[in-house]
PDB file of N, CA and C in Angstrom:
ATOM      1  N   MET A   1      -5.717  37.767   9.150  1.00  0.00           N
ATOM      2  CA  MET A   1      -6.457  38.443   7.955  1.00  0.00           C
ATOM      3  C   MET A   1      -6.220  39.905   8.127  1.00  0.00           C
ATOM      4  N   ALA A   2      -5.908  40.503   6.972  1.00  0.00           N
ATOM      5  CA  ALA A   2      -5.656  41.986   6.942  1.00  0.00           C
ATOM      6  C   ALA A   2      -6.917  42.721   7.152  1.00  0.00           C
ATOM      7  N   GLU A   3      -6.855  43.941   7.696  1.00  0.00           N
ATOM      8  CA  GLU A   3      -8.001  44.776   7.884  1.00  0.00           C
ATOM      9  C   GLU A   3      -8.271  45.505   6.550  1.00  0.00           C
ATOM     10  N   HIS A   4      -9.573  45.729   6.305  1.00  0.00           N
ATOM     11  CA  HIS A   4     -10.011  46.442   5.071  1.00  0.00           C
ATOM     12  C   HIS A   4      -9.526  47.965   5.200  1.00  0.00           C
ATOM     13  N   LYS A   5      -9.007  48.418   4.116  1.00  0.00           N
ATOM     14  CA  LYS A   5      -8.512  49.822   4.051  1.00  0.00           C
ATOM     15  C   LYS A   5      -9.391  50.620   3.104  1.00  0.00           C
ATOM     16  N   ASN A   6      -9.615  51.848   3.461  1.00  0.00           N
ATOM     17  CA  ASN A   6     -10.284  52.802   2.637  1.00  0.00           C
ATOM     18  C   ASN A   6      -9.348  53.982   2.247  1.00  0.00           C
ATOM     19  N   CYS A   7      -9.569  54.614   1.162  1.00  0.00           N
ATOM     20  CA  CYS A   7      -8.769  55.809   0.820  1.00  0.00           C
ATOM     21  C   CYS A   7      -9.382  57.035   1.477  1.00  0.00           C
ATOM     22  N   TYR A   8      -8.515  57.834   2.069  1.00  0.00           N
ATOM     23  CA  TYR A   8      -8.911  59.065   2.696  1.00  0.00           C
ATOM     24  C   TYR A   8      -8.095  60.211   2.135  1.00  0.00           C
ATOM     25  N   LEU A   9      -8.751  61.356   2.036  1.00  0.00           N
ATOM     26  CA  LEU A   9      -8.106  62.640   1.836  1.00  0.00           C
ATOM     27  C   LEU A   9      -8.116  63.297   3.169  1.00  0.00           C
ATOM     28  N   ILE A  10      -6.879  63.765   3.593  1.00  0.00           N
ATOM     29  CA  ILE A  10      -6.680  64.402   4.828  1.00  0.00           C
ATOM     30  C   ILE A  10      -6.295  65.861   4.527  1.00  0.00           C
ATOM     31  N   CYS A  11      -7.142  66.763   4.882  1.00  0.00           N
ATOM     32  CA  CYS A  11      -6.929  68.181   4.583  1.00  0.00           C
ATOM     33  C   CYS A  11      -6.841  68.923   5.960  1.00  0.00           C
ATOM     34  N   TYR A  12      -5.835  69.862   5.986  1.00  0.00           N
ATOM     35  CA  TYR A  12      -5.696  70.601   7.205  1.00  0.00           C
ATOM     36  C   TYR A  12      -5.353  72.020   6.938  1.00  0.00           C
ATOM     37  N   ASP A  13      -5.635  72.881   7.951  1.00  0.00           N
ATOM     38  CA  ASP A  13      -5.237  74.287   7.963  1.00  0.00           C
ATOM     39  C   ASP A  13      -4.702  74.574   9.274  1.00  0.00           C
ATOM     40  N   ILE A  14      -3.437  74.672   9.495  1.00  0.00           N
ATOM     41  CA  ILE A  14      -2.810  74.781  10.823  1.00  0.00           C
ATOM     42  C   ILE A  14      -2.099  76.169  10.835  1.00  0.00           C
ATOM     43  N   ARG A  15      -2.467  76.957  11.827  1.00  0.00           N
ATOM     44  CA  ARG A  15      -2.032  78.369  11.931  1.00  0.00           C
ATOM     45  C   ARG A  15      -0.555  78.560  12.316  1.00  0.00           C
ATOM     46  N   ASP A  16      -0.051  77.707  13.108  1.00  0.00           N
ATOM     47  CA  ASP A  16       1.279  77.845  13.655  1.00  0.00           C
ATOM     48  C   ASP A  16       2.243  77.014  12.930  1.00  0.00           C
ATOM     49  N   PRO A  17       3.368  77.559  12.399  1.00  0.00           N
ATOM     50  CA  PRO A  17       4.403  76.719  11.609  1.00  0.00           C
ATOM     51  C   PRO A  17       4.932  75.580  12.445  1.00  0.00           C
ATOM     52  N   LYS A  18       5.088  75.672  13.681  1.00  0.00           N
ATOM     53  CA  LYS A  18       5.627  74.514  14.397  1.00  0.00           C
ATOM     54  C   LYS A  18       4.610  73.348  14.419  1.00  0.00           C
ATOM     55  N   ARG A  19       3.320  73.701  14.678  1.00  0.00           N
ATOM     56  CA  ARG A  19       2.326  72.600  14.739  1.00  0.00           C
ATOM     57  C   ARG A  19       2.129  72.090  13.358  1.00  0.00           C
ATOM     58  N   TRP A  20       2.295  72.967  12.278  1.00  0.00           N
ATOM     59  CA  TRP A  20       2.049  72.558  10.880  1.00  0.00           C
ATOM     60  C   TRP A  20       3.179  71.497  10.567  1.00  0.00           C
ATOM     61  N   ARG A  21       4.439  71.813  10.964  1.00  0.00           N
ATOM     62  CA  ARG A  21       5.541  70.845  10.664  1.00  0.00           C
ATOM     63  C   ARG A  21       5.314  69.557  11.413  1.00  0.00           C
ATOM     64  N   LYS A  22       4.936  69.549  12.670  1.00  0.00           N
ATOM     65  CA  LYS A  22       4.603  68.336  13.320  1.00  0.00           C
ATOM     66  C   LYS A  22       3.575  67.478  12.730  1.00  0.00           C
ATOM     67  N   ALA A  23       2.499  68.101  12.217  1.00  0.00           N
ATOM     68  CA  ALA A  23       1.437  67.400  11.594  1.00  0.00           C
ATOM     69  C   ALA A  23       1.902  66.906  10.231  1.00  0.00           C
ATOM     70  N   TYR A  24       2.665  67.729   9.439  1.00  0.00           N
ATOM     71  CA  TYR A  24       3.165  67.265   8.227  1.00  0.00           C
ATOM     72  C   TYR A  24       4.027  66.039   8.375  1.00  0.00           C
ATOM     73  N   ASN A  25       4.972  66.047   9.305  1.00  0.00           N
ATOM     74  CA  ASN A  25       5.872  64.902   9.549  1.00  0.00           C
ATOM     75  C   ASN A  25       5.084  63.661   9.972  1.00  0.00           C
ATOM     76  N   LEU A  26       4.137  63.809  10.849  1.00  0.00           N
ATOM     77  CA  LEU A  26       3.253  62.703  11.190  1.00  0.00           C
ATOM     78  C   LEU A  26       2.534  62.088   9.986  1.00  0.00           C
ATOM     79  N   LEU A  27       1.931  62.988   9.132  1.00  0.00           N
ATOM     80  CA  LEU A  27       1.162  62.478   7.986  1.00  0.00           C
ATOM     81  C   LEU A  27       2.099  61.784   6.959  1.00  0.00           C
ATOM     82  N   GLN A  28       3.367  62.195   6.888  1.00  0.00           N
ATOM     83  CA  GLN A  28       4.169  61.597   5.871  1.00  0.00           C
ATOM     84  C   GLN A  28       4.389  60.082   6.158  1.00  0.00           C
ATOM     85  N   GLY A  29       4.252  59.729   7.439  1.00  0.00           N
ATOM     86  CA  GLY A  29       4.285  58.285   7.812  1.00  0.00           C
ATOM     87  C   GLY A  29       3.034  57.486   7.524  1.00  0.00           C
ATOM     88  N   TYR A  30       1.929  58.195   7.207  1.00  0.00           N
ATOM     89  CA  TYR A  30       0.590  57.600   6.901  1.00  0.00           C
ATOM     90  C   TYR A  30       0.212  57.637   5.421  1.00  0.00           C
ATOM     91  N   GLY A  31       0.856  58.480   4.610  1.00  0.00           N
ATOM     92  CA  GLY A  31       0.358  58.545   3.255  1.00  0.00           C
ATOM     93  C   GLY A  31       1.209  59.423   2.363  1.00  0.00           C
ATOM     94  N   GLU A  32       0.593  59.772   1.287  1.00  0.00           N
ATOM     95  CA  GLU A  32       1.244  60.568   0.257  1.00  0.00           C
ATOM     96  C   GLU A  32       0.778  61.985   0.174  1.00  0.00           C
ATOM     97  N   ARG A  33       1.660  62.895   0.101  1.00  0.00           N
ATOM     98  CA  ARG A  33       1.219  64.305  -0.024  1.00  0.00           C
ATOM     99  C   ARG A  33       0.827  64.603  -1.477  1.00  0.00           C
ATOM    100  N   MET A  34      -0.429  65.127  -1.535  1.00  0.00           N
ATOM    101  CA  MET A  34      -1.013  65.443  -2.852  1.00  0.00           C
ATOM    102  C   MET A  34      -0.797  66.963  -3.183  1.00  0.00           C
ATOM    103  N   GLN A  35      -1.019  67.768  -2.195  1.00  0.00           N
ATOM    104  CA  GLN A  35      -0.814  69.195  -2.337  1.00  0.00           C
ATOM    105  C   GLN A  35      -0.357  69.715  -1.011  1.00  0.00           C
ATOM    106  N   TYR A  36      -0.173  71.092  -0.912  1.00  0.00           N
ATOM    107  CA  TYR A  36       0.488  71.679   0.249  1.00  0.00           C
ATOM    108  C   TYR A  36      -0.076  71.147   1.585  1.00  0.00           C
ATOM    109  N   SER A  37      -1.402  71.148   1.741  1.00  0.00           N
ATOM    110  CA  SER A  37      -1.909  70.696   3.031  1.00  0.00           C
ATOM    111  C   SER A  37      -3.057  69.596   2.808  1.00  0.00           C
ATOM    112  N   ILE A  38      -2.728  68.735   1.786  1.00  0.00           N
ATOM    113  CA  ILE A  38      -3.669  67.580   1.490  1.00  0.00           C
ATOM    114  C   ILE A  38      -2.799  66.344   1.260  1.00  0.00           C
ATOM    115  N   PHE A  39      -3.260  65.285   2.058  1.00  0.00           N
ATOM    116  CA  PHE A  39      -2.581  63.987   1.921  1.00  0.00           C
ATOM    117  C   PHE A  39      -3.598  62.978   1.467  1.00  0.00           C
ATOM    118  N   ARG A  40      -3.125  61.907   0.858  1.00  0.00           N
ATOM    119  CA  ARG A  40      -3.945  60.780   0.523  1.00  0.00           C
ATOM    120  C   ARG A  40      -3.348  59.596   1.309  1.00  0.00           C
ATOM    121  N   SER A  41      -4.230  58.872   1.984  1.00  0.00           N
ATOM    122  CA  SER A  41      -3.838  57.747   2.791  1.00  0.00           C
ATOM    123  C   SER A  41      -4.822  56.518   2.612  1.00  0.00           C
ATOM    124  N   TRP A  42      -4.251  55.384   2.658  1.00  0.00           N
ATOM    125  CA  TRP A  42      -5.049  54.085   2.697  1.00  0.00           C
ATOM    126  C   TRP A  42      -4.996  53.667   4.095  1.00  0.00           C
ATOM    127  N   LEU A  43      -6.113  53.793   4.769  1.00  0.00           N
ATOM    128  CA  LEU A  43      -6.176  53.578   6.233  1.00  0.00           C
ATOM    129  C   LEU A  43      -7.217  52.494   6.524  1.00  0.00           C
ATOM    130  N   SER A  44      -6.908  51.624   7.564  1.00  0.00           N
ATOM    131  CA  SER A  44      -7.890  50.802   8.141  1.00  0.00           C
ATOM    132  C   SER A  44      -8.689  51.659   9.176  1.00  0.00           C
ATOM    133  N   MET A  45      -9.748  51.224   9.742  1.00  0.00           N
ATOM    134  CA  MET A  45     -10.472  51.953  10.712  1.00  0.00           C
ATOM    135  C   MET A  45      -9.531  52.176  11.980  1.00  0.00           C
ATOM    136  N   ARG A  46      -8.859  51.212  12.317  1.00  0.00           N
ATOM    137  CA  ARG A  46      -7.925  51.369  13.486  1.00  0.00           C
ATOM    138  C   ARG A  46      -6.811  52.329  13.213  1.00  0.00           C
ATOM    139  N   SER A  47      -6.205  52.272  12.053  1.00  0.00           N
ATOM    140  CA  SER A  47      -5.085  53.308  11.766  1.00  0.00           C
ATOM    141  C   SER A  47      -5.617  54.697  11.625  1.00  0.00           C
ATOM    142  N   ARG A  48      -6.844  54.779  11.092  1.00  0.00           N
ATOM    143  CA  ARG A  48      -7.569  56.125  10.984  1.00  0.00           C
ATOM    144  C   ARG A  48      -7.769  56.804  12.341  1.00  0.00           C
ATOM    145  N   GLU A  49      -8.194  55.925  13.264  1.00  0.00           N
ATOM    146  CA  GLU A  49      -8.502  56.451  14.619  1.00  0.00           C
ATOM    147  C   GLU A  49      -7.138  56.838  15.365  1.00  0.00           C
ATOM    148  N   LYS A  50      -6.160  56.018  15.109  1.00  0.00           N
ATOM    149  CA  LYS A  50      -4.843  56.295  15.711  1.00  0.00           C
ATOM    150  C   LYS A  50      -4.334  57.622  15.119  1.00  0.00           C
ATOM    151  N   LEU A  51      -4.432  57.787  13.789  1.00  0.00           N
ATOM    152  CA  LEU A  51      -3.977  59.059  13.230  1.00  0.00           C
ATOM    153  C   LEU A  51      -4.688  60.240  13.773  1.00  0.00           C
ATOM    154  N   ARG A  52      -6.035  60.105  13.890  1.00  0.00           N
ATOM    155  CA  ARG A  52      -6.849  61.235  14.468  1.00  0.00           C
ATOM    156  C   ARG A  52      -6.414  61.573  15.842  1.00  0.00           C
ATOM    157  N   TRP A  53      -6.191  60.527  16.673  1.00  0.00           N
ATOM    158  CA  TRP A  53      -5.711  60.741  18.064  1.00  0.00           C
ATOM    159  C   TRP A  53      -4.358  61.464  18.118  1.00  0.00           C
ATOM    160  N   GLU A  54      -3.404  60.988  17.187  1.00  0.00           N
ATOM    161  CA  GLU A  54      -2.131  61.641  17.226  1.00  0.00           C
ATOM    162  C   GLU A  54      -2.176  63.110  16.692  1.00  0.00           C
ATOM    163  N   LEU A  55      -3.027  63.336  15.685  1.00  0.00           N
ATOM    164  CA  LEU A  55      -3.247  64.727  15.278  1.00  0.00           C
ATOM    165  C   LEU A  55      -3.896  65.621  16.277  1.00  0.00           C
ATOM    166  N   GLU A  56      -4.886  65.091  17.030  1.00  0.00           N
ATOM    167  CA  GLU A  56      -5.554  65.951  18.027  1.00  0.00           C
ATOM    168  C   GLU A  56      -4.539  66.344  19.081  1.00  0.00           C
ATOM    169  N   LYS A  57      -3.510  65.636  19.319  1.00  0.00           N
ATOM    170  CA  LYS A  57      -2.476  65.979  20.359  1.00  0.00           C
ATOM    171  C   LYS A  57      -1.659  67.108  19.824  1.00  0.00           C
ATOM    172  N   ILE A  58      -1.559  67.314  18.536  1.00  0.00           N
ATOM    173  CA  ILE A  58      -0.792  68.365  17.880  1.00  0.00           C
ATOM    174  C   ILE A  58      -1.592  69.643  17.702  1.00  0.00           C
ATOM    175  N   LEU A  59      -2.838  69.529  17.262  1.00  0.00           N
ATOM    176  CA  LEU A  59      -3.649  70.680  16.834  1.00  0.00           C
ATOM    177  C   LEU A  59      -4.188  71.523  18.013  1.00  0.00           C
ATOM    178  N   ALA A  60      -4.370  72.776  17.716  1.00  0.00           N
ATOM    179  CA  ALA A  60      -4.972  73.738  18.642  1.00  0.00           C
ATOM    180  C   ALA A  60      -6.403  73.956  18.225  1.00  0.00           C
ATOM    181  N   PRO A  61      -7.255  74.521  19.092  1.00  0.00           N
ATOM    182  CA  PRO A  61      -8.607  74.799  18.650  1.00  0.00           C
ATOM    183  C   PRO A  61      -8.794  75.584  17.431  1.00  0.00           C
ATOM    184  N   GLU A  62      -7.901  76.541  17.116  1.00  0.00           N
ATOM    185  CA  GLU A  62      -8.128  77.279  15.882  1.00  0.00           C
ATOM    186  C   GLU A  62      -7.707  76.578  14.591  1.00  0.00           C
ATOM    187  N   ASP A  63      -7.050  75.437  14.718  1.00  0.00           N
ATOM    188  CA  ASP A  63      -6.708  74.694  13.487  1.00  0.00           C
ATOM    189  C   ASP A  63      -7.864  73.896  12.949  1.00  0.00           C
ATOM    190  N   SER A  64      -7.836  73.603  11.711  1.00  0.00           N
ATOM    191  CA  SER A  64      -8.804  72.783  11.023  1.00  0.00           C
ATOM    192  C   SER A  64      -8.337  71.442  10.559  1.00  0.00           C
ATOM    193  N   LEU A  65      -9.117  70.410  10.669  1.00  0.00           N
ATOM    194  CA  LEU A  65      -8.758  69.139  10.125  1.00  0.00           C
ATOM    195  C   LEU A  65      -9.957  68.458   9.471  1.00  0.00           C
ATOM    196  N   LEU A  66      -9.814  67.885   8.323  1.00  0.00           N
ATOM    197  CA  LEU A  66     -10.939  67.282   7.567  1.00  0.00           C
ATOM    198  C   LEU A  66     -10.419  65.944   6.986  1.00  0.00           C
ATOM    199  N   LEU A  67     -11.037  64.855   7.444  1.00  0.00           N
ATOM    200  CA  LEU A  67     -10.744  63.547   6.850  1.00  0.00           C
ATOM    201  C   LEU A  67     -11.982  63.143   5.957  1.00  0.00           C
ATOM    202  N   ILE A  68     -11.670  62.838   4.749  1.00  0.00           N
ATOM    203  CA  ILE A  68     -12.722  62.491   3.812  1.00  0.00           C
ATOM    204  C   ILE A  68     -12.496  61.095   3.252  1.00  0.00           C
ATOM    205  N   ARG A  69     -13.438  60.151   3.527  1.00  0.00           N
ATOM    206  CA  ARG A  69     -13.340  58.780   3.018  1.00  0.00           C
ATOM    207  C   ARG A  69     -13.910  58.705   1.612  1.00  0.00           C
ATOM    208  N   LEU A  70     -13.123  58.201   0.749  1.00  0.00           N
ATOM    209  CA  LEU A  70     -13.616  58.078  -0.654  1.00  0.00           C
ATOM    210  C   LEU A  70     -14.006  56.597  -0.879  1.00  0.00           C
ATOM    211  N   SER A  71     -15.137  56.406  -1.560  1.00  0.00           N
ATOM    212  CA  SER A  71     -15.550  55.099  -1.796  1.00  0.00           C
ATOM    213  C   SER A  71     -14.650  54.475  -2.880  1.00  0.00           C
ATOM    214  N   ASN A  72     -14.577  53.120  -3.022  1.00  0.00           N
ATOM    215  CA  ASN A  72     -13.778  52.514  -3.997  1.00  0.00           C
ATOM    216  C   ASN A  72     -14.227  52.907  -5.380  1.00  0.00           C
ATOM    217  N   GLN A  73     -15.509  53.096  -5.656  1.00  0.00           N
ATOM    218  CA  GLN A  73     -15.968  53.564  -6.947  1.00  0.00           C
ATOM    219  C   GLN A  73     -15.419  54.945  -7.315  1.00  0.00           C
ATOM    220  N   CYS A  74     -15.397  55.799  -6.287  1.00  0.00           N
ATOM    221  CA  CYS A  74     -14.813  57.135  -6.536  1.00  0.00           C
ATOM    222  C   CYS A  74     -13.389  57.009  -6.832  1.00  0.00           C
ATOM    223  N   VAL A  75     -12.637  56.285  -6.170  1.00  0.00           N
ATOM    224  CA  VAL A  75     -11.186  56.119  -6.357  1.00  0.00           C
ATOM    225  C   VAL A  75     -10.867  55.592  -7.744  1.00  0.00           C
ATOM    226  N   ILE A  76     -11.626  54.619  -8.115  1.00  0.00           N
ATOM    227  CA  ILE A  76     -11.368  54.054  -9.490  1.00  0.00           C
ATOM    228  C   ILE A  76     -11.626  55.067 -10.601  1.00  0.00           C
ATOM    229  N   GLY A  77     -12.598  56.018 -10.371  1.00  0.00           N
ATOM    230  CA  GLY A  77     -13.045  56.925 -11.450  1.00  0.00           C
ATOM    231  C   GLY A  77     -12.151  58.245 -11.515  1.00  0.00           C
ATOM    232  N   ILE A  78     -11.385  58.462 -10.417  1.00  0.00           N
ATOM    233  CA  ILE A  78     -10.581  59.728 -10.366  1.00  0.00           C
ATOM    234  C   ILE A  78      -9.688  59.937 -11.551  1.00  0.00           C
ATOM    235  N   PRO A  79      -8.900  58.925 -12.002  1.00  0.00           N
ATOM    236  CA  PRO A  79      -8.002  59.177 -13.139  1.00  0.00           C
ATOM    237  C   PRO A  79      -8.681  59.574 -14.367  1.00  0.00           C
ATOM    238  N   ALA A  80      -9.975  59.240 -14.547  1.00  0.00           N
ATOM    239  CA  ALA A  80     -10.703  59.478 -15.762  1.00  0.00           C
ATOM    240  C   ALA A  80     -10.905  60.974 -16.062  1.00  0.00           C
ATOM    241  N   TYR A  81     -10.997  61.823 -15.042  1.00  0.00           N
ATOM    242  CA  TYR A  81     -11.241  63.189 -15.247  1.00  0.00           C
ATOM    243  C   TYR A  81     -10.148  64.126 -14.616  1.00  0.00           C
ATOM    244  N   ASN A  82      -8.997  63.650 -14.492  1.00  0.00           N
ATOM    245  CA  ASN A  82      -7.847  64.480 -14.032  1.00  0.00           C
ATOM    246  C   ASN A  82      -6.654  64.390 -14.991  1.00  0.00           C
ATOM    247  N   ARG A  83      -5.708  65.164 -14.805  1.00  0.00           N
ATOM    248  CA  ARG A  83      -4.491  65.129 -15.551  1.00  0.00           C
ATOM    249  C   ARG A  83      -3.839  63.779 -15.355  1.00  0.00           C
ATOM    250  N   PRO A  84      -3.125  63.284 -16.462  1.00  0.00           N
ATOM    251  CA  PRO A  84      -2.431  62.067 -16.330  1.00  0.00           C
ATOM    252  C   PRO A  84      -1.332  62.064 -15.202  1.00  0.00           C
ATOM    253  N   GLY A  85      -1.320  61.045 -14.468  1.00  0.00           N
ATOM    254  CA  GLY A  85      -0.299  60.961 -13.442  1.00  0.00           C
ATOM    255  C   GLY A  85      -0.628  61.669 -12.097  1.00  0.00           C
ATOM    256  N   THR A  86      -1.808  62.371 -12.073  1.00  0.00           N
ATOM    257  CA  THR A  86      -2.228  63.054 -10.869  1.00  0.00           C
ATOM    258  C   THR A  86      -2.601  62.111  -9.809  1.00  0.00           C
ATOM    259  N   TRP A  87      -3.242  60.976 -10.155  1.00  0.00           N
ATOM    260  CA  TRP A  87      -3.687  60.024  -9.137  1.00  0.00           C
ATOM    261  C   TRP A  87      -3.442  58.648  -9.644  1.00  0.00           C
ATOM    262  N   SER A  88      -2.523  57.950  -8.958  1.00  0.00           N
ATOM    263  CA  SER A  88      -2.233  56.551  -9.203  1.00  0.00           C
ATOM    264  C   SER A  88      -3.152  55.621  -8.364  1.00  0.00           C
ATOM    265  N   SER A  89      -3.398  54.492  -8.877  1.00  0.00           N
ATOM    266  CA  SER A  89      -4.242  53.611  -8.140  1.00  0.00           C
ATOM    267  C   SER A  89      -3.539  52.929  -7.027  1.00  0.00           C
ATOM    268  N   GLU A  90      -4.278  52.317  -6.078  1.00  0.00           N
ATOM    269  CA  GLU A  90      -3.620  51.645  -4.999  1.00  0.00           C
ATOM    270  C   GLU A  90      -2.595  50.549  -5.362  1.00  0.00           C
ATOM    271  N   ALA A  91      -3.027  49.831  -6.446  1.00  0.00           N
ATOM    272  CA  ALA A  91      -2.230  48.762  -6.988  1.00  0.00           C
ATOM    273  C   ALA A  91      -0.850  49.253  -7.490  1.00  0.00           C
ATOM    274  N   GLU A  92      -0.817  50.405  -8.103  1.00  0.00           N
ATOM    275  CA  GLU A  92       0.404  51.006  -8.560  1.00  0.00           C
ATOM    276  C   GLU A  92       1.320  51.559  -7.498  1.00  0.00           C
ATOM    277  N   ALA A  93       0.715  51.806  -6.320  1.00  0.00           N
ATOM    278  CA  ALA A  93       1.516  52.472  -5.203  1.00  0.00           C
ATOM    279  C   ALA A  93       2.507  51.546  -4.632  1.00  0.00           C
ATOM    280  N   TYR A  94       2.238  50.206  -4.744  1.00  0.00           N
ATOM    281  CA  TYR A  94       3.176  49.244  -4.147  1.00  0.00           C
ATOM    282  C   TYR A  94       3.541  48.186  -5.184  1.00  0.00           C
ATOM    283  N   LYS A  95       4.869  48.060  -5.315  1.00  0.00           N
ATOM    284  CA  LYS A  95       5.387  47.032  -6.311  1.00  0.00           C
ATOM    285  C   LYS A  95       6.273  46.094  -5.551  1.00  0.00           C
ATOM    286  N   ILE A  96       6.042  44.797  -5.850  1.00  0.00           N
ATOM    287  CA  ILE A  96       6.867  43.765  -5.251  1.00  0.00           C
ATOM    288  C   ILE A  96       8.052  43.567  -6.194  1.00  0.00           C
ATOM    289  N   VAL A  97       9.259  43.595  -5.633  1.00  0.00           N
ATOM    290  CA  VAL A  97      10.426  43.433  -6.402  1.00  0.00           C
ATOM    291  C   VAL A  97      11.119  42.097  -6.148  1.00  0.00           C
TER     292      VAL A  97
END
Protein backbone atom coordinates (compact mmCIF):
# COMPACT_ATOMS: atom_id res chain seq x y z
CA MET A 1 0.00 0.00 0.00
CA ALA A 2 1.37 3.43 -0.93
CA GLU A 3 2.11 6.01 1.71
CA HIS A 4 -0.13 9.07 1.93
CA LYS A 5 1.50 12.16 0.39
CA ASN A 6 0.98 15.81 1.22
CA CYS A 7 1.86 18.87 -0.79
CA TYR A 8 4.73 20.94 0.62
CA LEU A 9 6.14 24.30 -0.29
CA ILE A 10 9.87 24.28 0.35
CA CYS A 11 11.39 27.74 0.69
CA TYR A 12 15.04 28.46 1.29
CA ASP A 13 17.53 31.30 1.56
CA ILE A 14 21.07 30.04 1.18
CA ARG A 15 23.93 32.54 1.39
CA ASP A 16 26.67 30.60 -0.39
CA PRO A 17 26.31 29.88 -4.15
CA LYS A 18 27.90 26.42 -3.82
CA ARG A 19 25.49 25.36 -1.06
CA TRP A 20 22.59 26.93 -3.01
CA ARG A 21 23.47 24.86 -6.10
CA LYS A 22 23.71 21.65 -4.04
CA ALA A 23 20.31 22.29 -2.42
CA TYR A 24 18.77 23.25 -5.77
CA ASN A 25 20.02 20.04 -7.41
CA LEU A 26 18.76 17.95 -4.49
CA LEU A 27 15.32 19.57 -4.57
CA GLN A 28 14.96 19.02 -8.32
CA GLY A 29 14.82 15.31 -7.53
CA TYR A 30 11.97 15.86 -5.08
CA GLY A 31 9.66 18.29 -6.79
CA GLU A 32 8.92 21.16 -9.10
CA ARG A 33 10.54 24.58 -8.94
CA MET A 34 7.87 27.28 -8.58
CA GLN A 35 10.10 30.33 -8.15
CA TYR A 36 13.79 31.10 -7.62
CA SER A 37 14.01 29.55 -4.13
CA ILE A 38 10.61 27.88 -3.81
CA PHE A 39 9.78 24.28 -4.72
CA ARG A 40 6.53 22.33 -4.59
CA SER A 41 6.76 18.66 -3.68
CA TRP A 42 4.36 15.83 -2.96
CA LEU A 43 6.01 13.99 -0.10
CA SER A 44 5.20 11.16 2.25
CA MET A 45 6.27 11.59 5.86
CA ARG A 46 9.25 9.30 5.21
CA SER A 47 10.41 11.19 2.08
CA ARG A 48 9.92 14.54 3.85
CA GLU A 49 12.20 13.49 6.69
CA LYS A 50 14.76 12.08 4.25
CA LEU A 51 14.76 15.38 2.36
CA ARG A 52 15.17 17.40 5.57
CA TRP A 53 18.07 15.17 6.62
CA GLU A 54 19.77 15.58 3.23
CA LEU A 55 19.25 19.36 3.26
CA GLU A 56 20.62 19.69 6.80
CA LYS A 57 23.87 18.11 5.59
CA ILE A 58 24.15 20.92 2.98
CA LEU A 59 22.94 23.97 4.93
CA ALA A 60 25.00 26.16 7.22
CA PRO A 61 23.67 27.83 10.40
CA GLU A 62 23.17 31.17 8.59
CA ASP A 63 20.94 29.57 5.90
CA SER A 64 17.15 29.41 6.17
CA LEU A 65 14.80 26.55 5.33
CA LEU A 66 11.02 26.49 5.58
CA LEU A 67 8.78 23.51 4.77
CA ILE A 68 5.08 24.33 4.65
CA ARG A 69 2.52 21.50 4.43
CA LEU A 70 -0.60 22.47 2.52
CA SER A 71 -3.89 20.78 3.31
CA ASN A 72 -5.70 19.07 0.46
CA GLN A 73 -8.44 21.70 0.69
CA CYS A 74 -5.86 24.48 0.25
CA VAL A 75 -4.28 22.74 -2.74
CA ILE A 76 -7.64 22.30 -4.47
CA GLY A 77 -8.50 26.00 -4.02
CA ILE A 78 -5.18 27.49 -5.21
CA PRO A 79 -6.05 27.64 -8.95
CA ALA A 80 -9.20 29.64 -8.17
CA TYR A 81 -7.32 32.78 -7.11
CA ASN A 82 -4.11 32.65 -9.17
CA ARG A 83 -3.15 33.17 -12.77
CA PRO A 84 -4.12 30.35 -15.13
CA GLY A 85 -1.43 27.69 -15.34
CA THR A 86 0.37 28.87 -12.20
CA TRP A 87 -0.59 25.80 -10.20
CA SER A 88 -1.52 22.46 -11.73
CA SER A 89 -3.22 19.80 -9.66
CA GLU A 90 -1.50 16.60 -8.58
CA ALA A 91 -3.59 14.62 -11.07
CA GLU A 92 -2.32 16.72 -13.97
CA ALA A 93 1.31 16.37 -12.90
CA TYR A 94 1.45 12.70 -13.90
CA LYS A 95 0.05 11.26 -17.12
CA ILE A 96 -0.03 7.59 -17.99
CA VAL A 97 0.86 7.07 -21.63
